N, C-alpha and C. Protein backbone atom coordinates (compact mmCIF):
# COMPACT_ATOMS: atom_id res chain seq x y z
N MET A 1 72.49 -78.99 105.51
CA MET A 1 70.80 -79.26 105.57
C MET A 1 70.15 -79.00 103.88
N ASN A 2 71.04 -78.17 103.37
CA ASN A 2 70.82 -77.46 101.91
C ASN A 2 71.31 -78.68 101.51
N GLN A 3 71.96 -79.72 101.22
CA GLN A 3 71.78 -80.79 100.65
C GLN A 3 70.60 -81.65 100.22
N LEU A 4 70.25 -81.88 101.66
CA LEU A 4 68.88 -82.84 101.67
C LEU A 4 68.02 -82.34 101.04
N LEU A 5 67.93 -80.82 101.46
CA LEU A 5 66.57 -80.08 100.35
C LEU A 5 66.85 -80.42 99.15
N LEU A 6 68.08 -80.20 98.34
CA LEU A 6 68.20 -79.95 97.23
C LEU A 6 68.11 -81.61 96.30
N GLY A 7 68.47 -82.63 97.48
CA GLY A 7 68.04 -84.03 96.97
C GLY A 7 66.64 -84.63 96.57
N ALA A 8 65.94 -83.90 97.77
CA ALA A 8 64.45 -84.07 97.98
C ALA A 8 63.69 -83.25 97.10
N ALA A 9 64.15 -81.96 96.17
CA ALA A 9 63.40 -81.24 95.83
C ALA A 9 63.00 -81.80 94.54
N PHE A 10 63.61 -82.14 93.58
CA PHE A 10 63.48 -82.61 92.35
C PHE A 10 61.99 -83.69 92.71
N PRO A 11 62.13 -84.81 93.09
CA PRO A 11 61.37 -85.83 93.27
C PRO A 11 60.03 -85.17 93.77
N PHE A 12 60.14 -84.26 94.77
CA PHE A 12 58.84 -83.45 95.24
C PHE A 12 58.58 -82.56 94.00
N ALA A 13 59.54 -82.17 92.95
CA ALA A 13 58.44 -81.06 92.32
C ALA A 13 57.75 -81.99 91.06
N VAL A 14 58.41 -83.00 90.63
CA VAL A 14 57.89 -83.97 89.88
C VAL A 14 56.67 -84.66 90.14
N GLY A 15 56.49 -84.82 91.78
CA GLY A 15 55.52 -85.24 92.53
C GLY A 15 54.23 -84.54 92.56
N LEU A 16 54.54 -83.34 92.73
CA LEU A 16 53.85 -82.04 92.99
C LEU A 16 53.30 -81.64 91.18
N ILE A 17 53.69 -81.86 90.43
CA ILE A 17 53.27 -81.38 88.88
C ILE A 17 52.12 -82.78 88.61
N LEU A 18 52.44 -84.02 88.85
CA LEU A 18 51.61 -85.01 88.72
C LEU A 18 50.34 -84.75 89.61
N TYR A 19 50.42 -84.42 90.65
CA TYR A 19 49.26 -84.17 91.57
C TYR A 19 48.40 -83.05 91.09
N VAL A 20 48.94 -81.86 90.76
CA VAL A 20 48.24 -80.98 90.07
C VAL A 20 47.64 -81.39 88.67
N ARG A 21 48.44 -81.90 87.96
CA ARG A 21 47.37 -82.65 86.68
C ARG A 21 46.59 -83.67 86.99
N ARG A 22 46.72 -84.13 87.56
CA ARG A 22 45.27 -85.23 88.43
C ARG A 22 44.51 -84.34 88.86
N ARG A 23 44.43 -82.93 88.70
CA ARG A 23 43.55 -82.37 89.72
C ARG A 23 43.24 -82.37 91.17
N ALA A 24 44.35 -82.46 92.04
CA ALA A 24 44.41 -82.92 93.47
C ALA A 24 44.21 -84.35 93.45
N ARG A 25 44.26 -84.87 93.15
CA ARG A 25 44.09 -86.34 93.14
C ARG A 25 45.56 -87.14 93.42
N ALA A 26 45.50 -87.86 94.41
CA ALA A 26 46.73 -88.80 94.48
C ALA A 26 46.34 -90.48 94.61
N SER A 27 47.06 -90.76 93.81
CA SER A 27 47.07 -92.26 93.81
C SER A 27 48.19 -92.78 95.23
N LEU A 28 48.10 -94.57 95.51
CA LEU A 28 48.61 -94.73 96.44
C LEU A 28 49.99 -94.79 95.84
N ARG A 29 50.32 -95.10 94.79
CA ARG A 29 51.51 -95.35 94.26
C ARG A 29 52.05 -94.09 94.37
N LEU A 30 51.59 -92.64 94.01
CA LEU A 30 51.89 -91.67 94.13
C LEU A 30 52.49 -91.23 95.56
N LEU A 31 51.74 -91.69 96.58
CA LEU A 31 51.81 -91.53 98.32
C LEU A 31 52.83 -92.29 98.78
N THR A 32 53.31 -93.42 97.68
CA THR A 32 54.57 -94.13 98.32
C THR A 32 55.84 -93.76 97.57
N VAL A 33 55.63 -93.79 96.32
CA VAL A 33 56.99 -93.77 95.47
C VAL A 33 57.40 -92.17 95.76
N VAL A 34 56.80 -90.95 95.52
CA VAL A 34 57.12 -89.89 95.78
C VAL A 34 58.35 -89.33 97.11
N PRO A 35 57.42 -89.91 98.24
CA PRO A 35 58.37 -89.68 99.59
C PRO A 35 60.09 -90.58 99.35
N ALA A 36 59.63 -92.06 98.83
CA ALA A 36 60.33 -92.95 98.49
C ALA A 36 61.67 -91.96 97.78
N ALA A 37 61.35 -91.96 96.74
CA ALA A 37 62.12 -91.00 95.93
C ALA A 37 62.94 -89.64 96.73
N MET A 38 62.28 -89.00 97.49
CA MET A 38 62.78 -88.09 98.04
C MET A 38 64.05 -88.29 99.33
N ALA A 39 63.45 -89.58 99.75
CA ALA A 39 64.26 -89.89 100.96
C ALA A 39 65.68 -90.34 100.05
N ALA A 40 66.03 -91.26 98.79
CA ALA A 40 66.72 -91.65 97.87
C ALA A 40 67.25 -90.69 97.64
N GLY A 41 66.46 -89.11 96.91
CA GLY A 41 67.36 -88.19 96.47
C GLY A 41 68.38 -87.47 97.68
N ALA A 42 67.77 -87.54 98.64
CA ALA A 42 68.35 -86.77 99.98
C ALA A 42 69.61 -87.87 100.63
N LEU A 43 69.65 -89.07 100.49
CA LEU A 43 70.25 -89.75 100.82
C LEU A 43 71.93 -89.74 99.98
N TRP A 44 71.05 -89.78 98.48
CA TRP A 44 72.32 -89.80 97.43
C TRP A 44 72.92 -88.40 97.46
N ALA A 45 72.43 -86.92 97.86
CA ALA A 45 73.17 -86.07 98.12
C ALA A 45 74.23 -85.88 99.18
N VAL A 46 73.84 -86.26 100.36
CA VAL A 46 74.53 -86.37 101.32
C VAL A 46 75.56 -87.59 101.64
N ALA A 47 75.58 -88.81 100.50
CA ALA A 47 76.58 -89.95 100.59
C ALA A 47 77.92 -89.42 101.00
N PRO A 48 78.42 -88.15 100.36
CA PRO A 48 80.03 -87.98 100.60
C PRO A 48 80.21 -87.72 102.52
N ASP A 49 79.17 -87.75 103.08
CA ASP A 49 79.12 -87.25 104.45
C ASP A 49 79.00 -88.85 105.10
N ILE A 50 78.86 -89.58 104.82
CA ILE A 50 78.23 -90.91 105.08
C ILE A 50 79.47 -91.50 106.24
N PRO A 51 80.75 -91.40 105.91
CA PRO A 51 81.77 -91.92 106.46
C PRO A 51 82.19 -90.92 107.24
N ARG A 52 81.89 -89.83 107.71
CA ARG A 52 81.77 -88.59 108.96
C ARG A 52 81.11 -89.56 109.65
N LEU A 53 79.98 -89.73 109.63
CA LEU A 53 79.22 -90.23 110.78
C LEU A 53 79.57 -92.10 111.61
N LEU A 54 80.13 -92.79 110.04
CA LEU A 54 80.54 -94.22 110.38
C LEU A 54 82.08 -94.00 111.44
N GLY A 55 82.58 -92.26 111.64
CA GLY A 55 84.09 -92.56 112.18
C GLY A 55 84.73 -92.50 111.48
N TRP A 56 84.69 -92.81 110.00
CA TRP A 56 85.92 -93.08 109.04
C TRP A 56 86.90 -91.60 108.89
N SER A 57 87.21 -90.63 109.54
CA SER A 57 87.71 -89.58 109.07
C SER A 57 88.30 -89.34 108.00
N GLY A 58 89.32 -90.73 107.77
CA GLY A 58 90.45 -90.33 106.49
C GLY A 58 89.74 -90.04 105.24
N LEU A 59 88.70 -90.94 104.98
CA LEU A 59 87.72 -91.42 103.83
C LEU A 59 87.16 -90.13 104.19
N TYR A 60 86.30 -89.53 105.07
CA TYR A 60 85.64 -88.35 104.79
C TYR A 60 86.48 -87.17 104.03
N LEU A 61 87.68 -87.31 104.98
CA LEU A 61 88.12 -85.89 104.48
C LEU A 61 88.76 -86.27 102.85
N ARG A 62 89.11 -87.03 102.90
CA ARG A 62 89.79 -87.36 101.11
C ARG A 62 88.36 -86.76 100.14
N LEU A 63 86.93 -87.38 100.33
CA LEU A 63 86.01 -87.02 99.64
C LEU A 63 85.76 -85.64 99.91
N ALA A 64 85.93 -85.29 100.75
CA ALA A 64 85.38 -83.44 101.22
C ALA A 64 86.46 -82.55 100.06
N ARG A 65 87.77 -83.01 100.05
CA ARG A 65 88.76 -82.34 98.86
C ARG A 65 88.26 -82.90 97.74
N SER A 66 87.75 -83.77 97.42
CA SER A 66 87.90 -84.51 96.11
C SER A 66 86.69 -83.81 95.26
N PRO A 67 86.69 -82.86 93.92
CA PRO A 67 85.84 -82.50 92.95
C PRO A 67 84.85 -83.59 92.44
N TRP A 68 85.12 -84.80 92.41
CA TRP A 68 84.39 -85.78 91.57
C TRP A 68 82.83 -86.02 92.76
N THR A 69 83.25 -85.61 94.09
CA THR A 69 81.91 -85.48 94.77
C THR A 69 80.92 -84.68 93.97
N ASP A 70 80.81 -83.80 93.09
CA ASP A 70 79.78 -83.12 92.68
C ASP A 70 78.76 -84.16 92.13
N ILE A 71 79.15 -85.21 91.76
CA ILE A 71 77.94 -86.51 90.88
C ILE A 71 76.89 -86.64 92.05
N PHE A 72 77.45 -86.24 93.26
CA PHE A 72 76.08 -86.47 94.51
C PHE A 72 75.42 -84.95 94.38
N LEU A 73 74.64 -84.69 93.38
CA LEU A 73 73.99 -83.49 93.76
C LEU A 73 74.60 -82.38 93.91
N PHE A 74 76.01 -82.09 93.24
CA PHE A 74 76.76 -80.57 93.53
C PHE A 74 77.53 -80.60 94.87
N HIS A 75 77.57 -81.80 95.43
CA HIS A 75 78.13 -81.89 97.03
C HIS A 75 79.25 -81.38 97.27
N TYR A 76 80.09 -81.36 96.49
CA TYR A 76 81.36 -80.50 96.58
C TYR A 76 81.16 -79.00 96.46
N THR A 77 80.87 -78.39 95.48
CA THR A 77 80.22 -77.68 95.20
C THR A 77 79.54 -77.01 96.37
N ILE A 78 78.32 -77.14 96.50
CA ILE A 78 77.71 -76.44 97.95
C ILE A 78 78.31 -76.87 98.93
N ASP A 79 79.34 -77.92 99.40
CA ASP A 79 80.41 -77.82 100.54
C ASP A 79 81.00 -76.72 100.22
N ARG A 80 81.39 -75.92 99.53
CA ARG A 80 82.43 -74.47 99.30
C ARG A 80 81.32 -73.29 99.43
N LEU A 81 80.13 -73.41 99.12
CA LEU A 81 79.39 -72.16 99.21
C LEU A 81 78.46 -72.05 100.13
N GLU A 82 78.14 -73.50 100.73
CA GLU A 82 76.69 -73.32 101.81
C GLU A 82 77.04 -72.46 103.05
N SER A 83 76.18 -72.26 103.42
CA SER A 83 75.79 -71.19 104.45
C SER A 83 74.68 -71.87 105.66
N ASP A 84 74.81 -71.70 106.89
CA ASP A 84 73.64 -72.44 107.86
C ASP A 84 72.77 -71.60 107.63
N SER A 85 71.25 -72.05 107.53
CA SER A 85 70.08 -71.05 107.68
C SER A 85 69.05 -71.81 107.93
N PRO A 86 68.23 -71.46 108.91
CA PRO A 86 66.90 -72.65 109.44
C PRO A 86 66.07 -72.70 108.06
N LEU A 87 66.28 -72.03 106.82
CA LEU A 87 65.13 -72.14 105.82
C LEU A 87 64.95 -73.52 105.19
N PHE A 88 66.52 -74.08 105.12
CA PHE A 88 66.77 -75.05 104.77
C PHE A 88 65.62 -76.17 105.08
N GLY A 89 66.02 -75.98 106.30
CA GLY A 89 65.08 -77.00 107.31
C GLY A 89 63.65 -77.07 107.41
N LEU A 90 63.55 -75.92 107.13
CA LEU A 90 62.04 -75.22 107.25
C LEU A 90 61.39 -75.63 105.62
N GLY A 91 62.01 -75.75 104.64
CA GLY A 91 61.93 -76.05 103.59
C GLY A 91 61.62 -77.72 103.39
N LEU A 92 62.20 -78.48 104.05
CA LEU A 92 62.18 -80.03 104.51
C LEU A 92 60.85 -80.28 104.83
N VAL A 93 60.39 -79.41 106.19
CA VAL A 93 59.25 -79.76 106.74
C VAL A 93 58.22 -79.12 105.68
N LEU A 94 57.96 -78.27 105.30
CA LEU A 94 57.00 -77.80 104.02
C LEU A 94 56.75 -79.02 103.11
N MET A 95 57.79 -79.38 102.65
CA MET A 95 57.44 -80.36 101.89
C MET A 95 56.96 -81.78 102.68
N ALA A 96 57.29 -82.18 103.34
CA ALA A 96 56.87 -83.28 104.41
C ALA A 96 55.40 -82.90 104.69
N ALA A 97 54.96 -81.60 104.80
CA ALA A 97 53.68 -81.18 105.29
C ALA A 97 52.52 -81.37 104.09
N ALA A 98 53.39 -80.93 102.93
CA ALA A 98 52.52 -80.75 101.94
C ALA A 98 52.03 -82.46 101.39
N LEU A 99 53.06 -83.09 101.63
CA LEU A 99 52.70 -84.76 101.39
C LEU A 99 51.83 -85.11 102.20
N SER A 100 51.93 -84.83 103.69
CA SER A 100 50.99 -85.70 104.74
C SER A 100 49.49 -84.76 104.36
N ALA A 101 49.64 -83.64 103.66
CA ALA A 101 48.40 -82.65 103.21
C ALA A 101 47.27 -83.67 102.45
N ALA A 102 48.36 -84.21 101.41
CA ALA A 102 47.55 -84.92 100.32
C ALA A 102 47.38 -85.88 100.39
N ALA A 103 47.88 -86.51 101.36
CA ALA A 103 47.62 -87.98 101.88
C ALA A 103 46.21 -87.74 102.80
N TRP A 104 46.29 -86.85 103.74
CA TRP A 104 45.10 -86.91 104.34
C TRP A 104 43.86 -86.08 103.64
N ARG A 105 44.15 -85.54 102.75
CA ARG A 105 42.78 -84.79 101.78
C ARG A 105 42.35 -86.42 101.01
N GLU A 106 43.55 -87.05 100.44
CA GLU A 106 43.24 -88.36 99.76
C GLU A 106 42.24 -89.19 100.78
N MET A 107 42.69 -89.43 101.60
CA MET A 107 41.89 -90.24 102.76
C MET A 107 40.59 -89.71 103.01
N ALA A 108 40.29 -88.65 102.92
CA ALA A 108 39.28 -87.67 103.65
C ALA A 108 38.02 -88.23 102.21
N LEU A 109 38.54 -87.91 101.52
CA LEU A 109 37.79 -88.19 100.07
C LEU A 109 37.56 -89.30 99.73
N ARG A 110 38.24 -90.33 100.10
CA ARG A 110 37.57 -92.02 99.60
C ARG A 110 37.15 -92.33 100.79
N GLU A 111 37.41 -91.89 101.81
CA GLU A 111 36.04 -91.99 103.06
C GLU A 111 34.79 -91.87 102.87
N THR A 112 34.57 -90.48 101.90
CA THR A 112 32.99 -89.92 101.38
C THR A 112 32.61 -90.78 100.63
N ASP A 113 33.90 -91.25 99.65
CA ASP A 113 32.82 -92.11 98.57
C ASP A 113 32.00 -93.11 98.78
């Protein structure tokens, strides 16, 4: 779960900086590109785990033991150090809630114009 959070965190942070710089206004592009980039980053971070989902145990085990999988946002290192915590899931939920709140606020502001 922490790999998903790490993969989504950088695009979220960039989007948050842009949102704050624009005085809490979000364009349609920001509201579509940031979630897409977050999903792509999260998918990139867990790419070495996809063979396990497809039932390809041999490939998954080779990837799990290979330090070169650190190119997937430090996947190998995180697998060695990670611990289960509900805080990682909470972080993802909070990022999704923040994006939803920005979209909701933008929609409400445009309706009053």
